Amino acid sequence: MRLLLVGRVAAAVLSLSTFVFLFLHDSWRRDNMFLVPDLILCGILLIGALLPDRSAVATLTVGFGYAAGVLSTSVLSYAVRSEFGLPSLVGAVIAAVLAGALAHDQRRSRPERRSVSPAASS
C-alpha cells in the first residue's frame, strides 16, 4: 500500500498545484481551452486522494491517466508556440508513471481466476 500513499500525495500535490496555476496565470478566461479539463483534473485527483483504499486505487488510476492526457496536450500546445512547458511535462510524466504503476499493482494483487473449459467439466 506504499504505492497508494505515494499516489495520494502526488494526486494532492498535482491537483493543488494545477489549481494554483490557474490563479497565478489568470487562466479563468472563457477562451482558455484548458480551464475545464484542468478543473476536472483537480477534482478527480483530489477526490481520489481522499477516498478509501479500494476506491482510491481505481479513481487515482483513471485520474492519473486523464491528467497525463491533459498535461501532455498542454506540453504539445507549448511546443507548437516554440515554448517549453517544463511543469506540464513533469506533471504528465509523473501522472503517466503513477497511472501505469497503480494499474499494474491492482492487476497483480487481484486473485488469479482459473477458467474451466466446457470440455473439461464433462
C-alpha atoms as a PDB file:
ATOM      1  CA  MET A   1       0.000   0.000   0.000  1.00  0.00           C
ATOM      2  CA  ARG A   2       3.052   2.273  -0.108  1.00  0.00           C
ATOM      3  CA  LEU A   3       2.332   2.940  -3.772  1.00  0.00           C
ATOM      4  CA  LEU A   4      -1.161   4.113  -2.865  1.00  0.00           C
ATOM      5  CA  LEU A   5       0.264   6.568  -0.330  1.00  0.00           C
ATOM      6  CA  VAL A   6       2.652   7.930  -2.972  1.00  0.00           C
ATOM      7  CA  GLY A   7      -0.316   8.169  -5.352  1.00  0.00           C
ATOM      8  CA  ARG A   8      -2.423  10.028  -2.802  1.00  0.00           C
ATOM      9  CA  VAL A   9       0.333  12.556  -2.068  1.00  0.00           C
ATOM     10  CA  ALA A  10       1.153  13.047  -5.755  1.00  0.00           C
ATOM     11  CA  ALA A  11      -2.551  13.459  -6.575  1.00  0.00           C
ATOM     12  CA  ALA A  12      -2.976  16.115  -3.894  1.00  0.00           C
ATOM     13  CA  VAL A  13       0.164  17.983  -4.986  1.00  0.00           C
ATOM     14  CA  LEU A  14      -0.701  17.785  -8.700  1.00  0.00           C
ATOM     15  CA  SER A  15      -4.286  18.828  -8.048  1.00  0.00           C
ATOM     16  CA  LEU A  16      -3.422  21.761  -5.815  1.00  0.00           C
ATOM     17  CA  SER A  17      -0.524  22.982  -7.957  1.00  0.00           C
ATOM     18  CA  THR A  18      -2.735  22.913 -11.063  1.00  0.00           C
ATOM     19  CA  PHE A  19      -5.430  24.862  -9.218  1.00  0.00           C
ATOM     20  CA  VAL A  20      -2.897  27.446  -8.011  1.00  0.00           C
ATOM     21  CA  PHE A  21      -1.508  27.712 -11.563  1.00  0.00           C
ATOM     22  CA  LEU A  22      -4.979  28.761 -12.744  1.00  0.00           C
ATOM     23  CA  PHE A  23      -4.855  31.735 -10.375  1.00  0.00           C
ATOM     24  CA  LEU A  24      -1.241  32.718 -10.922  1.00  0.00           C
ATOM     25  CA  HIS A  25      -1.617  32.815 -14.690  1.00  0.00           C
ATOM     26  CA  ASP A  26      -5.074  34.398 -14.829  1.00  0.00           C
ATOM     27  CA  SER A  27      -6.457  31.298 -16.533  1.00  0.00           C
ATOM     28  CA  TRP A  28     -10.115  31.861 -15.606  1.00  0.00           C
ATOM     29  CA  ARG A  29     -10.938  33.205 -19.077  1.00  0.00           C
ATOM     30  CA  ARG A  30     -13.584  31.785 -21.392  1.00  0.00           C
ATOM     31  CA  ASP A  31     -11.034  31.372 -24.177  1.00  0.00           C
ATOM     32  CA  ASN A  32      -8.779  29.113 -22.066  1.00  0.00           C
ATOM     33  CA  MET A  33      -9.265  25.693 -23.637  1.00  0.00           C
ATOM     34  CA  PHE A  34      -7.622  24.054 -20.597  1.00  0.00           C
ATOM     35  CA  LEU A  35      -9.851  25.575 -17.901  1.00  0.00           C
ATOM     36  CA  VAL A  36     -12.495  22.837 -17.767  1.00  0.00           C
ATOM     37  CA  PRO A  37     -10.051  19.924 -18.275  1.00  0.00           C
ATOM     38  CA  ASP A  38      -7.804  21.387 -15.554  1.00  0.00           C
ATOM     39  CA  LEU A  39     -10.730  21.717 -13.137  1.00  0.00           C
ATOM     40  CA  ILE A  40     -11.798  18.117 -13.860  1.00  0.00           C
ATOM     41  CA  LEU A  41      -8.187  17.015 -13.318  1.00  0.00           C
ATOM     42  CA  CYS A  42      -8.088  18.865  -9.980  1.00  0.00           C
ATOM     43  CA  GLY A  43     -11.392  17.404  -8.852  1.00  0.00           C
ATOM     44  CA  ILE A  44     -10.834  13.769  -9.738  1.00  0.00           C
ATOM     45  CA  LEU A  45      -7.323  13.676  -8.264  1.00  0.00           C
ATOM     46  CA  LEU A  46      -8.346  15.397  -5.046  1.00  0.00           C
ATOM     47  CA  ILE A  47     -11.390  13.156  -4.619  1.00  0.00           C
ATOM     48  CA  GLY A  48      -9.282  10.078  -5.407  1.00  0.00           C
ATOM     49  CA  ALA A  49      -6.721  11.074  -2.798  1.00  0.00           C
ATOM     50  CA  LEU A  50      -9.433  11.237  -0.123  1.00  0.00           C
ATOM     51  CA  LEU A  51     -11.337   8.025  -0.891  1.00  0.00           C
ATOM     52  CA  PRO A  52     -10.954   4.707   0.989  1.00  0.00           C
ATOM     53  CA  ASP A  53      -8.187   2.432  -0.327  1.00  0.00           C
ATOM     54  CA  ARG A  54     -10.117   0.266  -2.789  1.00  0.00           C
ATOM     55  CA  SER A  55     -11.982   3.171  -4.368  1.00  0.00           C
ATOM     56  CA  ALA A  56      -8.878   5.365  -4.293  1.00  0.00           C
ATOM     57  CA  VAL A  57      -6.859   2.929  -6.392  1.00  0.00           C
ATOM     58  CA  ALA A  58      -9.444   2.845  -9.174  1.00  0.00           C
ATOM     59  CA  THR A  59     -10.139   6.580  -9.066  1.00  0.00           C
ATOM     60  CA  LEU A  60      -6.476   7.557  -8.976  1.00  0.00           C
ATOM     61  CA  THR A  61      -5.636   5.185 -11.831  1.00  0.00           C
ATOM     62  CA  VAL A  62      -8.268   6.833 -14.026  1.00  0.00           C
ATOM     63  CA  GLY A  63      -7.443  10.304 -12.686  1.00  0.00           C
ATOM     64  CA  PHE A  64      -3.730   9.985 -13.381  1.00  0.00           C
ATOM     65  CA  GLY A  65      -4.456   8.643 -16.859  1.00  0.00           C
ATOM     66  CA  TYR A  66      -6.705  11.635 -17.516  1.00  0.00           C
ATOM     67  CA  ALA A  67      -4.116  14.023 -16.045  1.00  0.00           C
ATOM     68  CA  ALA A  68      -1.397  12.533 -18.260  1.00  0.00           C
ATOM     69  CA  GLY A  69      -3.563  13.213 -21.311  1.00  0.00           C
ATOM     70  CA  VAL A  70      -4.447  16.780 -20.332  1.00  0.00           C
ATOM     71  CA  LEU A  71      -0.891  17.663 -19.361  1.00  0.00           C
ATOM     72  CA  SER A  72       0.583  16.019 -22.484  1.00  0.00           C
ATOM     73  CA  THR A  73      -1.740  18.152 -24.577  1.00  0.00           C
ATOM     74  CA  SER A  74      -0.535  21.176 -22.629  1.00  0.00           C
ATOM     75  CA  VAL A  75       3.110  20.267 -23.320  1.00  0.00           C
ATOM     76  CA  LEU A  76       2.362  19.981 -27.027  1.00  0.00           C
ATOM     77  CA  SER A  77       0.470  23.277 -27.076  1.00  0.00           C
ATOM     78  CA  TYR A  78       3.615  24.932 -25.690  1.00  0.00           C
ATOM     79  CA  ALA A  79       5.719  23.169 -28.309  1.00  0.00           C
ATOM     80  CA  VAL A  80       3.512  24.486 -31.132  1.00  0.00           C
ATOM     81  CA  ARG A  81       4.291  28.004 -29.869  1.00  0.00           C
ATOM     82  CA  SER A  82       8.027  27.127 -29.748  1.00  0.00           C
ATOM     83  CA  GLU A  83       7.988  27.198 -25.938  1.00  0.00           C
ATOM     84  CA  PHE A  84       8.849  24.558 -23.368  1.00  0.00           C
ATOM     85  CA  GLY A  85       6.297  23.774 -20.649  1.00  0.00           C
ATOM     86  CA  LEU A  86       8.505  22.057 -18.084  1.00  0.00           C
ATOM     87  CA  PRO A  87       5.896  21.960 -15.265  1.00  0.00           C
ATOM     88  CA  SER A  88       3.358  20.371 -17.613  1.00  0.00           C
ATOM     89  CA  LEU A  89       5.950  17.864 -18.845  1.00  0.00           C
ATOM     90  CA  VAL A  90       6.942  16.868 -15.310  1.00  0.00           C
ATOM     91  CA  GLY A  91       3.278  16.524 -14.309  1.00  0.00           C
ATOM     92  CA  ALA A  92       2.473  14.463 -17.420  1.00  0.00           C
ATOM     93  CA  VAL A  93       5.352  12.062 -16.814  1.00  0.00           C
ATOM     94  CA  ILE A  94       4.532  11.648 -13.119  1.00  0.00           C
ATOM     95  CA  ALA A  95       0.844  11.093 -13.898  1.00  0.00           C
ATOM     96  CA  ALA A  96       1.584   8.535 -16.636  1.00  0.00           C
ATOM     97  CA  VAL A  97       4.023   6.611 -14.437  1.00  0.00           C
ATOM     98  CA  LEU A  98       1.616   6.528 -11.492  1.00  0.00           C
ATOM     99  CA  ALA A  99      -1.349   5.519 -13.662  1.00  0.00           C
ATOM    100  CA  GLY A 100       0.673   2.614 -15.033  1.00  0.00           C
ATOM    101  CA  ALA A 101       2.071   1.629 -11.642  1.00  0.00           C
ATOM    102  CA  LEU A 102      -1.343   1.673  -9.945  1.00  0.00           C
ATOM    103  CA  ALA A 103      -2.928  -0.320 -12.782  1.00  0.00           C
ATOM    104  CA  HIS A 104      -0.100  -2.873 -12.679  1.00  0.00           C
ATOM    105  CA  ASP A 105      -0.264  -3.171  -8.902  1.00  0.00           C
ATOM    106  CA  GLN A 106      -4.045  -3.559  -8.980  1.00  0.00           C
ATOM    107  CA  ARG A 107      -3.838  -6.301 -11.590  1.00  0.00           C
ATOM    108  CA  ARG A 108      -1.051  -8.080  -9.708  1.00  0.00           C
ATOM    109  CA  SER A 109      -2.916  -8.062  -6.394  1.00  0.00           C
ATOM    110  CA  ARG A 110      -6.117  -9.467  -7.901  1.00  0.00           C
ATOM    111  CA  PRO A 111      -6.603 -13.190  -7.212  1.00  0.00           C
ATOM    112  CA  GLU A 112      -5.975 -15.364 -10.237  1.00  0.00           C
ATOM    113  CA  ARG A 113      -9.071 -16.846 -11.819  1.00  0.00           C
ATOM    114  CA  ARG A 114      -8.981 -20.279 -13.280  1.00  0.00           C
ATOM    115  CA  SER A 115     -11.218 -20.817 -16.202  1.00  0.00           C
ATOM    116  CA  VAL A 116     -12.818 -24.167 -16.684  1.00  0.00           C
ATOM    117  CA  SER A 117     -13.376 -25.182 -20.268  1.00  0.00           C
ATOM    118  CA  PRO A 118     -16.715 -26.832 -21.102  1.00  0.00           C
ATOM    119  CA  ALA A 119     -14.917 -29.953 -22.347  1.00  0.00           C
ATOM    120  CA  ALA A 120     -13.023 -30.380 -19.075  1.00  0.00           C
ATOM    121  CA  SER A 121     -16.160 -30.234 -16.927  1.00  0.00           C
ATOM    122  CA  SER A 122     -17.989 -33.123 -18.650  1.00  0.00           C
END
